[in-house]
PDB file of all heavy atoms in Angstrom:
ATOM      1  N   LEU A   1      -8.471 -12.082  16.586  1.00  0.00           N
ATOM      2  CA  LEU A   1      -9.187 -11.875  15.329  1.00  0.00           C
ATOM      3  C   LEU A   1      -8.604 -10.691  14.491  1.00  0.00           C
ATOM      4  O   LEU A   1      -8.619 -10.791  13.293  1.00  0.00           O
ATOM      5  CB  LEU A   1     -10.677 -11.595  15.687  1.00  0.00           C
ATOM      6  CG  LEU A   1     -11.444 -12.740  16.288  1.00  0.00           C
ATOM      7  CD1 LEU A   1     -12.897 -12.361  16.571  1.00  0.00           C
ATOM      8  CD2 LEU A   1     -11.386 -13.984  15.356  1.00  0.00           C
ATOM      9  N   LEU A   2      -8.115  -9.670  15.165  1.00  0.00           N
ATOM     10  CA  LEU A   2      -7.563  -8.580  14.369  1.00  0.00           C
ATOM     11  C   LEU A   2      -6.263  -8.971  13.713  1.00  0.00           C
ATOM     12  O   LEU A   2      -5.793  -8.273  12.778  1.00  0.00           O
ATOM     13  CB  LEU A   2      -7.365  -7.341  15.217  1.00  0.00           C
ATOM     14  CG  LEU A   2      -8.683  -6.579  15.596  1.00  0.00           C
ATOM     15  CD1 LEU A   2      -8.338  -5.210  16.181  1.00  0.00           C
ATOM     16  CD2 LEU A   2      -9.583  -6.395  14.356  1.00  0.00           C
ATOM     17  N   ALA A   3      -5.603 -10.037  14.213  1.00  0.00           N
ATOM     18  CA  ALA A   3      -4.431 -10.529  13.500  1.00  0.00           C
ATOM     19  C   ALA A   3      -4.804 -11.025  12.128  1.00  0.00           C
ATOM     20  O   ALA A   3      -3.975 -10.871  11.149  1.00  0.00           O
ATOM     21  CB  ALA A   3      -3.776 -11.634  14.314  1.00  0.00           C
ATOM     22  N   ILE A   4      -5.991 -11.604  11.963  1.00  0.00           N
ATOM     23  CA  ILE A   4      -6.459 -11.989  10.636  1.00  0.00           C
ATOM     24  C   ILE A   4      -6.696 -10.739   9.760  1.00  0.00           C
ATOM     25  O   ILE A   4      -6.288 -10.739   8.577  1.00  0.00           O
ATOM     26  CB  ILE A   4      -7.774 -12.793  10.794  1.00  0.00           C
ATOM     27  CG1 ILE A   4      -7.581 -14.044  11.640  1.00  0.00           C
ATOM     28  CG2 ILE A   4      -8.357 -13.155   9.384  1.00  0.00           C
ATOM     29  CD1 ILE A   4      -8.865 -14.756  11.953  1.00  0.00           C
ATOM     30  N   PHE A   5      -7.299  -9.729  10.345  1.00  0.00           N
ATOM     31  CA  PHE A   5      -7.500  -8.461   9.657  1.00  0.00           C
ATOM     32  C   PHE A   5      -6.182  -7.874   9.126  1.00  0.00           C
ATOM     33  O   PHE A   5      -6.055  -7.463   7.954  1.00  0.00           O
ATOM     34  CB  PHE A   5      -8.155  -7.462  10.610  1.00  0.00           C
ATOM     35  CG  PHE A   5      -8.211  -6.044  10.085  1.00  0.00           C
ATOM     36  CD1 PHE A   5      -9.132  -5.654   9.140  1.00  0.00           C
ATOM     37  CD2 PHE A   5      -7.290  -5.108  10.597  1.00  0.00           C
ATOM     38  CE1 PHE A   5      -9.154  -4.302   8.725  1.00  0.00           C
ATOM     39  CE2 PHE A   5      -7.337  -3.807  10.177  1.00  0.00           C
ATOM     40  CZ  PHE A   5      -8.230  -3.424   9.232  1.00  0.00           C
ATOM     41  N   PHE A   6      -5.152  -7.872   9.959  1.00  0.00           N
ATOM     42  CA  PHE A   6      -3.860  -7.322   9.558  1.00  0.00           C
ATOM     43  C   PHE A   6      -3.101  -8.235   8.605  1.00  0.00           C
ATOM     44  O   PHE A   6      -2.307  -7.760   7.786  1.00  0.00           O
ATOM     45  CB  PHE A   6      -2.993  -7.004  10.783  1.00  0.00           C
ATOM     46  CG  PHE A   6      -3.399  -5.722  11.444  1.00  0.00           C
ATOM     47  CD1 PHE A   6      -3.986  -5.686  12.697  1.00  0.00           C
ATOM     48  CD2 PHE A   6      -3.167  -4.482  10.805  1.00  0.00           C
ATOM     49  CE1 PHE A   6      -4.383  -4.520  13.300  1.00  0.00           C
ATOM     50  CE2 PHE A   6      -3.523  -3.295  11.419  1.00  0.00           C
ATOM     51  CZ  PHE A   6      -4.126  -3.293  12.675  1.00  0.00           C
ATOM     52  N   PHE A   7      -3.368  -9.518   8.661  1.00  0.00           N
ATOM     53  CA  PHE A   7      -2.793 -10.487   7.718  1.00  0.00           C
ATOM     54  C   PHE A   7      -3.314 -10.124   6.293  1.00  0.00           C
ATOM     55  O   PHE A   7      -2.553 -10.032   5.326  1.00  0.00           O
ATOM     56  CB  PHE A   7      -3.203 -11.890   8.072  1.00  0.00           C
ATOM     57  CG  PHE A   7      -2.706 -12.970   7.113  1.00  0.00           C
ATOM     58  CD1 PHE A   7      -1.379 -13.271   7.023  1.00  0.00           C
ATOM     59  CD2 PHE A   7      -3.608 -13.624   6.305  1.00  0.00           C
ATOM     60  CE1 PHE A   7      -0.907 -14.256   6.147  1.00  0.00           C
ATOM     61  CE2 PHE A   7      -3.173 -14.613   5.409  1.00  0.00           C
ATOM     62  CZ  PHE A   7      -1.791 -14.896   5.322  1.00  0.00           C
ATOM     63  N   VAL A   8      -4.647  -9.902   6.179  1.00  0.00           N
ATOM     64  CA  VAL A   8      -5.238  -9.584   4.885  1.00  0.00           C
ATOM     65  C   VAL A   8      -4.719  -8.186   4.425  1.00  0.00           C
ATOM     66  O   VAL A   8      -4.402  -8.047   3.220  1.00  0.00           O
ATOM     67  CB  VAL A   8      -6.787  -9.568   4.985  1.00  0.00           C
ATOM     68  CG1 VAL A   8      -7.386  -9.064   3.696  1.00  0.00           C
ATOM     69  CG2 VAL A   8      -7.275 -10.941   5.303  1.00  0.00           C
ATOM     70  N   ALA A   9      -4.624  -7.260   5.310  1.00  0.00           N
ATOM     71  CA  ALA A   9      -4.073  -5.911   4.915  1.00  0.00           C
ATOM     72  C   ALA A   9      -2.652  -6.011   4.438  1.00  0.00           C
ATOM     73  O   ALA A   9      -2.288  -5.364   3.437  1.00  0.00           O
ATOM     74  CB  ALA A   9      -4.161  -4.987   6.130  1.00  0.00           C
ATOM     75  N   GLY A  10      -1.836  -6.847   5.096  1.00  0.00           N
ATOM     76  CA  GLY A  10      -0.458  -7.038   4.652  1.00  0.00           C
ATOM     77  C   GLY A  10      -0.382  -7.676   3.281  1.00  0.00           C
ATOM     78  O   GLY A  10       0.451  -7.277   2.460  1.00  0.00           O
ATOM     79  N   LEU A  11      -1.249  -8.691   3.049  1.00  0.00           N
ATOM     80  CA  LEU A  11      -1.291  -9.327   1.696  1.00  0.00           C
ATOM     81  C   LEU A  11      -1.646  -8.330   0.644  1.00  0.00           C
ATOM     82  O   LEU A  11      -1.018  -8.278  -0.455  1.00  0.00           O
ATOM     83  CB  LEU A  11      -2.309 -10.443   1.725  1.00  0.00           C
ATOM     84  CG  LEU A  11      -1.957 -11.699   2.507  1.00  0.00           C
ATOM     85  CD1 LEU A  11      -3.187 -12.666   2.542  1.00  0.00           C
ATOM     86  CD2 LEU A  11      -0.698 -12.413   1.986  1.00  0.00           C
ATOM     87  N   GLU A  12      -2.653  -7.486   0.916  1.00  0.00           N
ATOM     88  CA  GLU A  12      -3.088  -6.509  -0.050  1.00  0.00           C
ATOM     89  C   GLU A  12      -2.046  -5.489  -0.349  1.00  0.00           C
ATOM     90  O   GLU A  12      -1.771  -5.144  -1.536  1.00  0.00           O
ATOM     91  CB  GLU A  12      -4.368  -5.789   0.448  1.00  0.00           C
ATOM     92  CG  GLU A  12      -4.785  -4.573  -0.311  1.00  0.00           C
ATOM     93  CD  GLU A  12      -5.171  -4.889  -1.762  1.00  0.00           C
ATOM     94  OE1 GLU A  12      -5.550  -6.044  -2.029  1.00  0.00           O
ATOM     95  OE2 GLU A  12      -5.070  -3.990  -2.596  1.00  0.00           O
ATOM     96  N   LEU A  13      -1.361  -5.025   0.680  1.00  0.00           N
ATOM     97  CA  LEU A  13      -0.338  -4.006   0.461  1.00  0.00           C
ATOM     98  C   LEU A  13       0.856  -4.589  -0.332  1.00  0.00           C
ATOM     99  O   LEU A  13       1.347  -3.961  -1.269  1.00  0.00           O
ATOM    100  CB  LEU A  13       0.173  -3.447   1.808  1.00  0.00           C
ATOM    101  CG  LEU A  13       1.106  -2.270   1.706  1.00  0.00           C
ATOM    102  CD1 LEU A  13       0.416  -1.050   1.200  1.00  0.00           C
ATOM    103  CD2 LEU A  13       1.754  -1.955   3.066  1.00  0.00           C
ATOM    104  N   LYS A  14       1.295  -5.795   0.035  1.00  0.00           N
ATOM    105  CA  LYS A  14       2.430  -6.369  -0.673  1.00  0.00           C
ATOM    106  C   LYS A  14       2.046  -6.643  -2.131  1.00  0.00           C
ATOM    107  O   LYS A  14       2.881  -6.327  -3.024  1.00  0.00           O
ATOM    108  CB  LYS A  14       2.804  -7.688  -0.011  1.00  0.00           C
ATOM    109  CG  LYS A  14       4.045  -8.301  -0.650  1.00  0.00           C
ATOM    110  CD  LYS A  14       4.510  -9.595   0.070  1.00  0.00           C
ATOM    111  CE  LYS A  14       5.773 -10.151  -0.621  1.00  0.00           C
ATOM    112  NZ  LYS A  14       6.264 -11.393   0.046  1.00  0.00           N
ATOM    113  N   ARG A  15       0.864  -7.097  -2.413  1.00  0.00           N
ATOM    114  CA  ARG A  15       0.477  -7.377  -3.765  1.00  0.00           C
ATOM    115  C   ARG A  15       0.429  -6.079  -4.573  1.00  0.00           C
ATOM    116  O   ARG A  15       0.846  -6.066  -5.748  1.00  0.00           O
ATOM    117  CB  ARG A  15      -0.920  -8.077  -3.825  1.00  0.00           C
ATOM    118  CG  ARG A  15      -1.192  -8.645  -5.195  1.00  0.00           C
ATOM    119  CD  ARG A  15      -2.601  -8.961  -5.402  1.00  0.00           C
ATOM    120  NE  ARG A  15      -2.863  -9.467  -6.791  1.00  0.00           N
ATOM    121  CZ  ARG A  15      -2.812  -8.701  -7.867  1.00  0.00           C
ATOM    122  NH1 ARG A  15      -2.580  -7.396  -7.800  1.00  0.00           N
ATOM    123  NH2 ARG A  15      -2.963  -9.244  -9.063  1.00  0.00           N
ATOM    124  N   GLU A  16      -0.084  -5.005  -3.995  1.00  0.00           N
ATOM    125  CA  GLU A  16      -0.185  -3.755  -4.739  1.00  0.00           C
ATOM    126  C   GLU A  16       1.198  -3.254  -5.125  1.00  0.00           C
ATOM    127  O   GLU A  16       1.346  -2.759  -6.262  1.00  0.00           O
ATOM    128  CB  GLU A  16      -0.878  -2.710  -3.840  1.00  0.00           C
ATOM    129  CG  GLU A  16      -2.373  -2.822  -3.792  1.00  0.00           C
ATOM    130  CD  GLU A  16      -3.029  -2.494  -5.131  1.00  0.00           C
ATOM    131  OE1 GLU A  16      -2.457  -1.757  -5.907  1.00  0.00           O
ATOM    132  OE2 GLU A  16      -4.112  -2.987  -5.414  1.00  0.00           O
ATOM    133  N   PHE A  17       2.157  -3.368  -4.278  1.00  0.00           N
ATOM    134  CA  PHE A  17       3.491  -2.813  -4.518  1.00  0.00           C
ATOM    135  C   PHE A  17       4.416  -3.779  -5.318  1.00  0.00           C
ATOM    136  O   PHE A  17       5.388  -3.316  -5.857  1.00  0.00           O
ATOM    137  CB  PHE A  17       4.167  -2.420  -3.221  1.00  0.00           C
ATOM    138  CG  PHE A  17       3.660  -1.104  -2.668  1.00  0.00           C
ATOM    139  CD1 PHE A  17       2.621  -1.096  -1.787  1.00  0.00           C
ATOM    140  CD2 PHE A  17       4.211   0.081  -3.099  1.00  0.00           C
ATOM    141  CE1 PHE A  17       2.086   0.111  -1.257  1.00  0.00           C
ATOM    142  CE2 PHE A  17       3.741   1.296  -2.590  1.00  0.00           C
ATOM    143  CZ  PHE A  17       2.666   1.299  -1.703  1.00  0.00           C
ATOM    144  N   VAL A  18       4.031  -5.035  -5.341  1.00  0.00           N
ATOM    145  CA  VAL A  18       4.885  -6.001  -6.087  1.00  0.00           C
ATOM    146  C   VAL A  18       4.335  -6.269  -7.493  1.00  0.00           C
ATOM    147  O   VAL A  18       5.093  -6.284  -8.483  1.00  0.00           O
ATOM    148  CB  VAL A  18       5.027  -7.323  -5.286  1.00  0.00           C
ATOM    149  CG1 VAL A  18       5.743  -8.360  -6.168  1.00  0.00           C
ATOM    150  CG2 VAL A  18       5.797  -7.095  -4.022  1.00  0.00           C
ATOM    151  N   ALA A  19       3.026  -6.468  -7.614  1.00  0.00           N
ATOM    152  CA  ALA A  19       2.440  -6.847  -8.858  1.00  0.00           C
ATOM    153  C   ALA A  19       1.310  -5.959  -9.347  1.00  0.00           C
ATOM    154  O   ALA A  19       0.868  -6.066 -10.480  1.00  0.00           O
ATOM    155  CB  ALA A  19       1.927  -8.281  -8.789  1.00  0.00           C
ATOM    156  N   GLY A  20       0.826  -5.065  -8.473  1.00  0.00           N
ATOM    157  CA  GLY A  20      -0.248  -4.179  -8.832  1.00  0.00           C
ATOM    158  C   GLY A  20       0.223  -2.923  -9.549  1.00  0.00           C
ATOM    159  O   GLY A  20       1.417  -2.750  -9.831  1.00  0.00           O
ATOM    160  N   ASP A  21      -0.688  -2.006  -9.802  1.00  0.00           N
ATOM    161  CA  ASP A  21      -0.345  -0.776 -10.457  1.00  0.00           C
ATOM    162  C   ASP A  21       0.567   0.110  -9.639  1.00  0.00           C
ATOM    163  O   ASP A  21       1.278   0.958 -10.181  1.00  0.00           O
ATOM    164  CB  ASP A  21      -1.613   0.045 -10.812  1.00  0.00           C
ATOM    165  CG  ASP A  21      -2.419  -0.624 -11.919  1.00  0.00           C
ATOM    166  OD1 ASP A  21      -1.833  -1.424 -12.647  1.00  0.00           O
ATOM    167  OD2 ASP A  21      -3.586  -0.291 -12.093  1.00  0.00           O
ATOM    168  N   LEU A  22       0.624  -0.123  -8.325  1.00  0.00           N
ATOM    169  CA  LEU A  22       1.438   0.720  -7.449  1.00  0.00           C
ATOM    170  C   LEU A  22       2.909   0.343  -7.458  1.00  0.00           C
ATOM    171  O   LEU A  22       3.704   0.896  -6.719  1.00  0.00           O
ATOM    172  CB  LEU A  22       0.919   0.732  -6.042  1.00  0.00           C
ATOM    173  CG  LEU A  22      -0.491   1.344  -5.847  1.00  0.00           C
ATOM    174  CD1 LEU A  22      -0.866   1.383  -4.387  1.00  0.00           C
ATOM    175  CD2 LEU A  22      -0.516   2.719  -6.428  1.00  0.00           C
ATOM    176  N   ARG A  23       3.266  -0.645  -8.250  1.00  0.00           N
ATOM    177  CA  ARG A  23       4.703  -0.931  -8.421  1.00  0.00           C
ATOM    178  C   ARG A  23       5.395   0.202  -9.158  1.00  0.00           C
ATOM    179  O   ARG A  23       6.639   0.312  -9.141  1.00  0.00           O
ATOM    180  CB  ARG A  23       4.906  -2.276  -9.167  1.00  0.00           C
ATOM    181  CG  ARG A  23       4.421  -2.310 -10.592  1.00  0.00           C
ATOM    182  CD  ARG A  23       4.585  -3.684 -11.226  1.00  0.00           C
ATOM    183  NE  ARG A  23       4.148  -3.770 -12.545  1.00  0.00           N
ATOM    184  CZ  ARG A  23       2.935  -3.982 -12.988  1.00  0.00           C
ATOM    185  NH1 ARG A  23       1.978  -4.109 -12.049  1.00  0.00           N
ATOM    186  NH2 ARG A  23       2.619  -4.015 -14.260  1.00  0.00           N
ATOM    187  N   ASP A  24       4.589   1.017  -9.816  1.00  0.00           N
ATOM    188  CA  ASP A  24       5.129   2.268 -10.391  1.00  0.00           C
ATOM    189  C   ASP A  24       5.274   3.287  -9.242  1.00  0.00           C
ATOM    190  O   ASP A  24       4.257   3.720  -8.678  1.00  0.00           O
ATOM    191  CB  ASP A  24       4.174   2.802 -11.450  1.00  0.00           C
ATOM    192  CG  ASP A  24       4.650   4.068 -12.088  1.00  0.00           C
ATOM    193  OD1 ASP A  24       5.681   4.642 -11.657  1.00  0.00           O
ATOM    194  OD2 ASP A  24       4.016   4.559 -12.997  1.00  0.00           O
ATOM    195  N   PRO A  25       6.483   3.728  -8.909  1.00  0.00           N
ATOM    196  CA  PRO A  25       6.680   4.635  -7.765  1.00  0.00           C
ATOM    197  C   PRO A  25       5.892   5.940  -7.901  1.00  0.00           C
ATOM    198  O   PRO A  25       5.471   6.487  -6.885  1.00  0.00           O
ATOM    199  CB  PRO A  25       8.185   4.929  -7.791  1.00  0.00           C
ATOM    200  CG  PRO A  25       8.792   3.734  -8.487  1.00  0.00           C
ATOM    201  CD  PRO A  25       7.798   3.316  -9.502  1.00  0.00           C
ATOM    202  N   ARG A  26       5.664   6.378  -9.103  1.00  0.00           N
ATOM    203  CA  ARG A  26       4.918   7.627  -9.272  1.00  0.00           C
ATOM    204  C   ARG A  26       3.453   7.492  -8.844  1.00  0.00           C
ATOM    205  O   ARG A  26       2.851   8.432  -8.300  1.00  0.00           O
ATOM    206  CB  ARG A  26       4.965   8.101 -10.745  1.00  0.00           C
ATOM    207  CG  ARG A  26       6.393   8.482 -11.191  1.00  0.00           C
ATOM    208  CD  ARG A  26       6.424   8.771 -12.667  1.00  0.00           C
ATOM    209  NE  ARG A  26       6.071   7.535 -13.406  1.00  0.00           N
ATOM    210  CZ  ARG A  26       6.038   7.445 -14.774  1.00  0.00           C
ATOM    211  NH1 ARG A  26       6.216   8.525 -15.468  1.00  0.00           N
ATOM    212  NH2 ARG A  26       5.751   6.296 -15.336  1.00  0.00           N
ATOM    213  N   ARG A  27       2.902   6.331  -9.089  1.00  0.00           N
ATOM    214  CA  ARG A  27       1.518   6.059  -8.650  1.00  0.00           C
ATOM    215  C   ARG A  27       1.459   5.764  -7.167  1.00  0.00           C
ATOM    216  O   ARG A  27       0.486   6.145  -6.492  1.00  0.00           O
ATOM    217  CB  ARG A  27       0.904   4.877  -9.429  1.00  0.00           C
ATOM    218  CG  ARG A  27       0.645   5.176 -10.903  1.00  0.00           C
ATOM    219  CD  ARG A  27       0.003   3.997 -11.568  1.00  0.00           C
ATOM    220  NE  ARG A  27      -1.365   3.778 -11.054  1.00  0.00           N
ATOM    221  CZ  ARG A  27      -2.423   4.303 -11.598  1.00  0.00           C
ATOM    222  NH1 ARG A  27      -2.362   5.099 -12.644  1.00  0.00           N
ATOM    223  NH2 ARG A  27      -3.640   4.045 -11.090  1.00  0.00           N
ATOM    224  N   ALA A  28       2.478   5.104  -6.683  1.00  0.00           N
ATOM    225  CA  ALA A  28       2.484   4.776  -5.233  1.00  0.00           C
ATOM    226  C   ALA A  28       2.687   5.978  -4.344  1.00  0.00           C
ATOM    227  O   ALA A  28       2.228   5.969  -3.178  1.00  0.00           O
ATOM    228  CB  ALA A  28       3.536   3.715  -4.932  1.00  0.00           C
ATOM    229  N   ALA A  29       3.351   6.977  -4.847  1.00  0.00           N
ATOM    230  CA  ALA A  29       3.729   8.131  -4.021  1.00  0.00           C
ATOM    231  C   ALA A  29       2.473   8.850  -3.452  1.00  0.00           C
ATOM    232  O   ALA A  29       2.521   9.328  -2.287  1.00  0.00           O
ATOM    233  CB  ALA A  29       4.554   9.110  -4.853  1.00  0.00           C
ATOM    234  N   VAL A  30       1.425   8.916  -4.233  1.00  0.00           N
ATOM    235  CA  VAL A  30       0.236   9.680  -3.792  1.00  0.00           C
ATOM    236  C   VAL A  30      -0.440   9.050  -2.570  1.00  0.00           C
ATOM    237  O   VAL A  30      -0.611   9.703  -1.538  1.00  0.00           O
ATOM    238  CB  VAL A  30      -0.774   9.849  -4.954  1.00  0.00           C
ATOM    239  CG1 VAL A  30      -1.959  10.687  -4.482  1.00  0.00           C
ATOM    240  CG2 VAL A  30      -0.109  10.557  -6.117  1.00  0.00           C
ATOM    241  N   PRO A  31      -0.881   7.820  -2.619  1.00  0.00           N
ATOM    242  CA  PRO A  31      -1.563   7.236  -1.459  1.00  0.00           C
ATOM    243  C   PRO A  31      -0.655   7.046  -0.243  1.00  0.00           C
ATOM    244  O   PRO A  31      -1.065   7.195   0.906  1.00  0.00           O
ATOM    245  CB  PRO A  31      -2.095   5.860  -1.928  1.00  0.00           C
ATOM    246  CG  PRO A  31      -1.280   5.531  -3.111  1.00  0.00           C
ATOM    247  CD  PRO A  31      -0.909   6.848  -3.765  1.00  0.00           C
ATOM    248  N   VAL A  32       0.636   6.782  -0.505  1.00  0.00           N
ATOM    249  CA  VAL A  32       1.582   6.633   0.622  1.00  0.00           C
ATOM    250  C   VAL A  32       1.767   7.956   1.310  1.00  0.00           C
ATOM    251  O   VAL A  32       1.683   8.106   2.539  1.00  0.00           O
ATOM    252  CB  VAL A  32       2.924   6.088   0.131  1.00  0.00           C
ATOM    253  CG1 VAL A  32       3.992   6.159   1.247  1.00  0.00           C
ATOM    254  CG2 VAL A  32       2.772   4.631  -0.317  1.00  0.00           C
ATOM    255  N   ALA A  33       2.011   9.033   0.524  1.00  0.00           N
ATOM    256  CA  ALA A  33       2.168  10.377   1.136  1.00  0.00           C
ATOM    257  C   ALA A  33       0.881  10.808   1.866  1.00  0.00           C
ATOM    258  O   ALA A  33       0.922  11.361   2.934  1.00  0.00           O
ATOM    259  CB  ALA A  33       2.513  11.372   0.041  1.00  0.00           C
ATOM    260  N   ALA A  34      -0.280  10.516   1.242  1.00  0.00           N
ATOM    261  CA  ALA A  34      -1.546  10.863   1.830  1.00  0.00           C
ATOM    262  C   ALA A  34      -1.729  10.174   3.199  1.00  0.00           C
ATOM    263  O   ALA A  34      -2.216  10.710   4.173  1.00  0.00           O
ATOM    264  CB  ALA A  34      -2.670  10.547   0.931  1.00  0.00           C
ATOM    265  N   ALA A  35      -1.347   8.894   3.224  1.00  0.00           N
ATOM    266  CA  ALA A  35      -1.488   8.095   4.459  1.00  0.00           C
ATOM    267  C   ALA A  35      -0.572   8.693   5.547  1.00  0.00           C
ATOM    268  O   ALA A  35      -0.960   8.808   6.716  1.00  0.00           O
ATOM    269  CB  ALA A  35      -1.151   6.642   4.174  1.00  0.00           C
ATOM    270  N   VAL A  36       0.649   9.005   5.211  1.00  0.00           N
ATOM    271  CA  VAL A  36       1.605   9.641   6.153  1.00  0.00           C
ATOM    272  C   VAL A  36       1.038  10.951   6.665  1.00  0.00           C
ATOM    273  O   VAL A  36       1.071  11.216   7.855  1.00  0.00           O
ATOM    274  CB  VAL A  36       2.958   9.841   5.519  1.00  0.00           C
ATOM    275  CG1 VAL A  36       3.889  10.574   6.449  1.00  0.00           C
ATOM    276  CG2 VAL A  36       3.596   8.454   5.176  1.00  0.00           C
ATOM    277  N   GLY A  37       0.550  11.808   5.774  1.00  0.00           N
ATOM    278  CA  GLY A  37      -0.032  13.042   6.186  1.00  0.00           C
ATOM    279  C   GLY A  37      -1.243  12.852   7.074  1.00  0.00           C
ATOM    280  O   GLY A  37      -1.450  13.590   8.055  1.00  0.00           O
ATOM    281  N   GLY A  38      -2.030  11.780   6.794  1.00  0.00           N
ATOM    282  CA  GLY A  38      -3.215  11.462   7.567  1.00  0.00           C
ATOM    283  C   GLY A  38      -2.901  10.858   8.884  1.00  0.00           C
ATOM    284  O   GLY A  38      -3.772  10.641   9.705  1.00  0.00           O
ATOM    285  N   VAL A  39      -1.667  10.530   9.163  1.00  0.00           N
ATOM    286  CA  VAL A  39      -1.172  10.062  10.456  1.00  0.00           C
ATOM    287  C   VAL A  39      -0.610  11.220  11.285  1.00  0.00           C
ATOM    288  O   VAL A  39      -0.906  11.390  12.466  1.00  0.00           O
ATOM    289  CB  VAL A  39      -0.186   8.908  10.293  1.00  0.00           C
ATOM    290  CG1 VAL A  39       0.532   8.632  11.614  1.00  0.00           C
ATOM    291  CG2 VAL A  39      -0.885   7.665   9.792  1.00  0.00           C
ATOM    292  N   ILE A  40       0.243  11.988  10.601  1.00  0.00           N
ATOM    293  CA  ILE A  40       1.012  13.036  11.333  1.00  0.00           C
ATOM    294  C   ILE A  40       0.096  14.156  11.840  1.00  0.00           C
ATOM    295  O   ILE A  40       0.140  14.560  12.990  1.00  0.00           O
ATOM    296  CB  ILE A  40       2.095  13.628  10.388  1.00  0.00           C
ATOM    297  CG1 ILE A  40       3.139  12.548  10.122  1.00  0.00           C
ATOM    298  CG2 ILE A  40       2.747  14.843  11.072  1.00  0.00           C
ATOM    299  CD1 ILE A  40       4.208  12.974   9.121  1.00  0.00           C
ATOM    300  N   VAL A  41      -0.739  14.711  10.978  1.00  0.00           N
ATOM    301  CA  VAL A  41      -1.562  15.872  11.328  1.00  0.00           C
ATOM    302  C   VAL A  41      -2.556  15.595  12.457  1.00  0.00           C
ATOM    303  O   VAL A  41      -2.659  16.317  13.448  1.00  0.00           O
ATOM    304  CB  VAL A  41      -2.234  16.498  10.131  1.00  0.00           C
ATOM    305  CG1 VAL A  41      -3.151  17.682  10.515  1.00  0.00           C
ATOM    306  CG2 VAL A  41      -1.212  17.005   9.132  1.00  0.00           C
TER     307      VAL A  41
END
C-alpha cells in the first residue's frame, strides 16, 4: 500500500519540477534545501 503512496509522491515531485512553479531553480532551492536540512540535523 505504501508503494501507492510513494507513486503519488513521485508524480507530485516530478510535476512540480517539470511543469510547476518549482521549475524555476530559485524557487525550488528553498524547499529542497529545507528538506535536506530537515533530514541531516
